[in-house]
Amino acid sequence: MPTFKQKFNKKYKQDINQSNSLLEIAKLTKIKKSILQQVYNRGIGAAKNNPSSVRSKSGEKKPGGFSPANRMGKEQWAIARVYGFVGKNPKQVGTGKPDRDLFDKI
């Protein structure tokens, strides 16, 4: 199953594993960088406040959480949240979900 990053790259005709900065994502999606920065900052905060929710580097789910050594870094988690946001992940931007207020601004 492709990640939101891979879906993003396919949509914008980039190498499937290419990394993009917030500025590049903003330019391609026409979403204000300030909004994407807020999504990113929330991702950093979520990783700090609830580290057990951060997925493993391989993306696999594990009951009971992940060991700290196998978790994504907070920056990886935050940029993944940005890709999910621009990909309209319903778990993020659906009604009553954490980034809905920012999604409503675009």
N, C-alpha and C. Protein backbone atom coordinates (compact mmCIF):
# COMPACT_ATOMS: atom_id res chain seq x y z
N MET A 1 0.84 -1.17 0.00
CA MET A 1 0.00 0.00 0.00
C MET A 1 0.90 1.24 0.00
N PRO A 2 0.70 2.14 -0.95
CA PRO A 2 1.57 3.32 -1.03
C PRO A 2 1.31 4.30 0.13
N THR A 3 2.36 4.98 0.51
CA THR A 3 2.26 6.00 1.56
C THR A 3 1.70 7.28 0.96
N PHE A 4 1.31 8.22 1.82
CA PHE A 4 0.84 9.51 1.32
C PHE A 4 1.96 10.25 0.58
N LYS A 5 3.18 10.06 1.01
CA LYS A 5 4.32 10.66 0.31
C LYS A 5 4.43 10.10 -1.10
N GLN A 6 4.31 8.79 -1.23
CA GLN A 6 4.40 8.17 -2.55
C GLN A 6 3.23 8.60 -3.44
N LYS A 7 2.05 8.70 -2.88
CA LYS A 7 0.89 9.17 -3.64
C LYS A 7 1.11 10.60 -4.10
N PHE A 8 1.65 11.43 -3.21
CA PHE A 8 1.95 12.83 -3.54
C PHE A 8 2.93 12.89 -4.70
N ASN A 9 4.02 12.14 -4.60
CA ASN A 9 5.04 12.16 -5.64
C ASN A 9 4.50 11.66 -6.97
N LYS A 10 3.67 10.66 -6.94
CA LYS A 10 3.07 10.17 -8.18
C LYS A 10 2.18 11.23 -8.81
N LYS A 11 1.36 11.87 -7.98
CA LYS A 11 0.45 12.91 -8.48
C LYS A 11 1.22 14.05 -9.13
N TYR A 12 2.34 14.44 -8.55
CA TYR A 12 3.13 15.56 -9.06
C TYR A 12 4.30 15.11 -9.93
N LYS A 13 4.23 13.86 -10.41
CA LYS A 13 5.19 13.32 -11.38
C LYS A 13 6.65 13.45 -10.93
N GLN A 14 6.89 13.03 -9.69
CA GLN A 14 8.24 13.02 -9.13
C GLN A 14 8.65 11.58 -8.87
N ASP A 15 9.93 11.38 -8.64
CA ASP A 15 10.41 10.07 -8.23
C ASP A 15 9.61 9.64 -7.00
N ILE A 16 9.19 8.40 -6.95
CA ILE A 16 8.28 7.92 -5.91
C ILE A 16 8.81 8.15 -4.49
N ASN A 17 10.12 8.14 -4.30
CA ASN A 17 10.69 8.30 -2.96
C ASN A 17 11.33 9.67 -2.73
N GLN A 18 11.08 10.61 -3.62
CA GLN A 18 11.67 11.94 -3.47
C GLN A 18 11.12 12.63 -2.22
N SER A 19 12.01 13.30 -1.51
CA SER A 19 11.61 14.10 -0.36
C SER A 19 11.36 15.52 -0.81
N ASN A 20 10.43 16.19 -0.16
CA ASN A 20 10.09 17.57 -0.49
C ASN A 20 10.09 18.41 0.78
N SER A 21 10.50 19.66 0.65
CA SER A 21 10.45 20.59 1.77
C SER A 21 9.02 21.11 1.91
N LEU A 22 8.75 21.78 3.01
CA LEU A 22 7.43 22.40 3.17
C LEU A 22 7.18 23.43 2.08
N LEU A 23 8.22 24.17 1.71
CA LEU A 23 8.08 25.18 0.67
C LEU A 23 7.74 24.53 -0.68
N GLU A 24 8.41 23.43 -0.99
CA GLU A 24 8.11 22.73 -2.25
C GLU A 24 6.69 22.17 -2.25
N ILE A 25 6.28 21.61 -1.13
CA ILE A 25 4.91 21.08 -1.03
C ILE A 25 3.91 22.21 -1.17
N ALA A 26 4.19 23.35 -0.55
CA ALA A 26 3.30 24.51 -0.64
C ALA A 26 3.17 24.99 -2.09
N LYS A 27 4.29 25.07 -2.79
CA LYS A 27 4.26 25.54 -4.18
C LYS A 27 3.47 24.59 -5.07
N LEU A 28 3.67 23.29 -4.89
CA LEU A 28 2.98 22.31 -5.73
C LEU A 28 1.48 22.23 -5.44
N THR A 29 1.12 22.32 -4.17
CA THR A 29 -0.29 22.16 -3.78
C THR A 29 -1.07 23.46 -3.75
N LYS A 30 -0.35 24.58 -3.76
CA LYS A 30 -0.97 25.91 -3.63
C LYS A 30 -1.62 26.12 -2.24
N ILE A 31 -1.12 25.37 -1.26
CA ILE A 31 -1.54 25.55 0.13
C ILE A 31 -0.50 26.44 0.79
N LYS A 32 -0.96 27.43 1.56
CA LYS A 32 -0.02 28.34 2.21
C LYS A 32 0.99 27.57 3.06
N LYS A 33 2.24 27.99 2.95
CA LYS A 33 3.29 27.36 3.73
C LYS A 33 3.01 27.49 5.22
N SER A 34 2.40 28.60 5.63
CA SER A 34 2.11 28.81 7.06
C SER A 34 1.16 27.74 7.60
N ILE A 35 0.23 27.29 6.77
CA ILE A 35 -0.70 26.24 7.19
C ILE A 35 0.05 24.91 7.29
N LEU A 36 0.88 24.62 6.29
CA LEU A 36 1.66 23.38 6.33
C LEU A 36 2.63 23.38 7.51
N GLN A 37 3.16 24.55 7.85
CA GLN A 37 4.05 24.66 9.00
C GLN A 37 3.31 24.33 10.29
N GLN A 38 2.06 24.75 10.39
CA GLN A 38 1.25 24.43 11.58
C GLN A 38 1.00 22.92 11.68
N VAL A 39 0.72 22.29 10.54
CA VAL A 39 0.53 20.83 10.53
C VAL A 39 1.82 20.15 10.98
N TYR A 40 2.94 20.61 10.44
CA TYR A 40 4.25 20.06 10.81
C TYR A 40 4.50 20.22 12.30
N ASN A 41 4.25 21.42 12.81
CA ASN A 41 4.47 21.68 14.24
C ASN A 41 3.59 20.79 15.11
N ARG A 42 2.37 20.55 14.68
CA ARG A 42 1.48 19.65 15.43
C ARG A 42 2.04 18.23 15.41
N GLY A 43 2.64 17.84 14.31
CA GLY A 43 3.25 16.51 14.22
C GLY A 43 4.41 16.37 15.18
N ILE A 44 5.23 17.41 15.29
CA ILE A 44 6.35 17.41 16.25
C ILE A 44 5.78 17.30 17.67
N GLY A 45 4.77 18.09 17.95
CA GLY A 45 4.15 18.07 19.28
C GLY A 45 3.56 16.71 19.62
N ALA A 46 2.88 16.11 18.65
CA ALA A 46 2.28 14.80 18.88
C ALA A 46 3.35 13.75 19.15
N ALA A 47 4.45 13.81 18.42
CA ALA A 47 5.53 12.85 18.62
C ALA A 47 6.17 13.02 19.99
N LYS A 48 6.26 14.26 20.47
CA LYS A 48 6.84 14.51 21.79
C LYS A 48 5.89 14.12 22.91
N ASN A 49 4.60 14.45 22.75
CA ASN A 49 3.63 14.23 23.82
C ASN A 49 3.10 12.81 23.90
N ASN A 50 3.12 12.09 22.78
CA ASN A 50 2.60 10.73 22.78
C ASN A 50 3.51 9.85 21.92
N PRO A 51 4.75 9.63 22.36
CA PRO A 51 5.70 8.90 21.53
C PRO A 51 5.28 7.47 21.21
N SER A 52 4.45 6.88 22.04
CA SER A 52 4.03 5.50 21.77
C SER A 52 3.13 5.40 20.54
N SER A 53 2.59 6.54 20.10
CA SER A 53 1.73 6.51 18.92
C SER A 53 2.53 6.59 17.62
N VAL A 54 3.79 6.94 17.71
CA VAL A 54 4.64 7.09 16.52
C VAL A 54 4.96 5.71 15.97
N ARG A 55 4.70 5.52 14.68
CA ARG A 55 4.90 4.21 14.03
C ARG A 55 6.38 3.86 13.91
N SER A 56 6.58 2.60 13.61
CA SER A 56 7.95 2.13 13.38
C SER A 56 8.47 2.70 12.07
N LYS A 57 9.75 2.64 11.88
CA LYS A 57 10.37 3.14 10.65
C LYS A 57 9.88 2.37 9.43
N SER A 58 9.50 1.11 9.62
CA SER A 58 9.01 0.30 8.51
C SER A 58 7.53 0.55 8.23
N GLY A 59 6.85 1.26 9.14
CA GLY A 59 5.44 1.58 8.95
C GLY A 59 4.49 0.50 9.44
N GLU A 60 5.04 -0.58 9.96
CA GLU A 60 4.18 -1.66 10.42
C GLU A 60 3.52 -1.32 11.75
N LYS A 61 2.35 -1.89 11.97
CA LYS A 61 1.64 -1.68 13.23
C LYS A 61 2.03 -2.79 14.20
N LYS A 62 2.16 -2.41 15.47
CA LYS A 62 2.48 -3.38 16.50
C LYS A 62 1.59 -3.14 17.70
N PRO A 63 0.95 -4.18 18.22
CA PRO A 63 0.17 -3.99 19.44
C PRO A 63 1.07 -3.56 20.59
N GLY A 64 0.64 -2.59 21.35
CA GLY A 64 1.42 -2.13 22.49
C GLY A 64 2.47 -1.08 22.17
N GLY A 65 2.51 -0.62 20.94
CA GLY A 65 3.45 0.44 20.58
C GLY A 65 4.75 -0.09 20.04
N PHE A 66 5.72 0.78 19.91
CA PHE A 66 7.00 0.45 19.29
C PHE A 66 8.12 0.78 20.25
N SER A 67 9.23 0.07 20.11
CA SER A 67 10.37 0.39 20.94
C SER A 67 10.95 1.72 20.45
N PRO A 68 11.51 2.52 21.35
CA PRO A 68 12.06 3.82 20.94
C PRO A 68 13.08 3.73 19.81
N ALA A 69 13.85 2.67 19.76
CA ALA A 69 14.87 2.52 18.72
C ALA A 69 14.27 2.31 17.34
N ASN A 70 13.07 1.77 17.29
CA ASN A 70 12.44 1.48 16.01
C ASN A 70 11.45 2.55 15.56
N ARG A 71 11.22 3.58 16.38
CA ARG A 71 10.26 4.61 16.00
C ARG A 71 10.86 5.60 15.02
N MET A 72 9.96 6.20 14.22
CA MET A 72 10.38 7.31 13.36
C MET A 72 10.84 8.45 14.26
N GLY A 73 11.71 9.29 13.74
CA GLY A 73 12.07 10.51 14.45
C GLY A 73 10.90 11.48 14.41
N LYS A 74 10.91 12.45 15.31
CA LYS A 74 9.78 13.39 15.36
C LYS A 74 9.64 14.20 14.08
N GLU A 75 10.77 14.49 13.42
CA GLU A 75 10.71 15.23 12.15
C GLU A 75 10.11 14.37 11.04
N GLN A 76 10.46 13.08 11.04
CA GLN A 76 9.88 12.16 10.05
C GLN A 76 8.38 12.05 10.26
N TRP A 77 7.97 11.94 11.51
CA TRP A 77 6.56 11.84 11.85
C TRP A 77 5.82 13.10 11.40
N ALA A 78 6.44 14.26 11.63
CA ALA A 78 5.80 15.53 11.29
C ALA A 78 5.64 15.70 9.78
N ILE A 79 6.65 15.36 9.00
CA ILE A 79 6.52 15.53 7.55
C ILE A 79 5.55 14.50 6.98
N ALA A 80 5.49 13.32 7.59
CA ALA A 80 4.49 12.33 7.18
C ALA A 80 3.09 12.87 7.43
N ARG A 81 2.93 13.61 8.51
CA ARG A 81 1.64 14.22 8.82
C ARG A 81 1.28 15.26 7.76
N VAL A 82 2.26 16.02 7.28
CA VAL A 82 2.03 17.00 6.22
C VAL A 82 1.58 16.30 4.94
N TYR A 83 2.26 15.22 4.56
CA TYR A 83 1.85 14.48 3.37
C TYR A 83 0.44 13.93 3.53
N GLY A 84 0.10 13.46 4.71
CA GLY A 84 -1.26 12.99 4.96
C GLY A 84 -2.28 14.11 4.85
N PHE A 85 -1.91 15.26 5.33
CA PHE A 85 -2.80 16.44 5.27
C PHE A 85 -3.09 16.82 3.83
N VAL A 86 -2.06 16.96 3.02
CA VAL A 86 -2.28 17.36 1.62
C VAL A 86 -2.92 16.23 0.82
N GLY A 87 -2.79 14.99 1.31
CA GLY A 87 -3.44 13.85 0.67
C GLY A 87 -4.85 13.62 1.17
N LYS A 88 -5.33 14.55 2.01
CA LYS A 88 -6.69 14.51 2.55
C LYS A 88 -6.99 13.22 3.32
N ASN A 89 -6.04 12.83 4.15
CA ASN A 89 -6.21 11.65 5.00
C ASN A 89 -7.44 11.87 5.90
N PRO A 90 -8.48 11.05 5.77
CA PRO A 90 -9.68 11.26 6.58
C PRO A 90 -9.44 11.14 8.08
N LYS A 91 -8.38 10.44 8.48
CA LYS A 91 -8.06 10.33 9.91
C LYS A 91 -7.49 11.64 10.45
N GLN A 92 -7.09 12.53 9.57
CA GLN A 92 -6.53 13.82 9.96
C GLN A 92 -7.48 14.97 9.70
N VAL A 93 -8.13 14.94 8.55
CA VAL A 93 -8.90 16.11 8.11
C VAL A 93 -10.41 15.88 8.11
N GLY A 94 -10.84 14.70 8.52
CA GLY A 94 -12.27 14.44 8.59
C GLY A 94 -12.92 15.26 9.69
N THR A 95 -14.22 15.28 9.71
CA THR A 95 -14.96 16.03 10.73
C THR A 95 -14.53 15.57 12.13
N GLY A 96 -14.17 16.53 12.97
CA GLY A 96 -13.76 16.25 14.33
C GLY A 96 -12.34 15.71 14.48
N LYS A 97 -11.58 15.69 13.41
CA LYS A 97 -10.22 15.16 13.47
C LYS A 97 -9.21 16.27 13.73
N PRO A 98 -7.96 15.91 14.11
CA PRO A 98 -7.01 16.89 14.64
C PRO A 98 -6.64 18.07 13.73
N ASP A 99 -6.62 17.87 12.43
CA ASP A 99 -6.20 18.96 11.55
C ASP A 99 -7.36 19.55 10.75
N ARG A 100 -8.57 19.24 11.15
CA ARG A 100 -9.75 19.74 10.40
C ARG A 100 -9.79 21.25 10.36
N ASP A 101 -9.45 21.92 11.47
CA ASP A 101 -9.50 23.37 11.51
C ASP A 101 -8.56 24.00 10.48
N LEU A 102 -7.39 23.40 10.29
CA LEU A 102 -6.44 23.91 9.30
C LEU A 102 -6.93 23.59 7.88
N PHE A 103 -7.51 22.41 7.72
CA PHE A 103 -8.02 22.02 6.41
C PHE A 103 -9.14 22.96 5.96
N ASP A 104 -9.95 23.40 6.91
CA ASP A 104 -11.04 24.33 6.59
C ASP A 104 -10.52 25.68 6.09
N LYS A 105 -9.27 26.01 6.38
CA LYS A 105 -8.69 27.27 5.95
C LYS A 105 -8.27 27.27 4.48
N ILE A 106 -8.19 26.09 3.88
CA ILE A 106 -7.72 26.03 2.48
C ILE A 106 -8.84 25.86 1.51
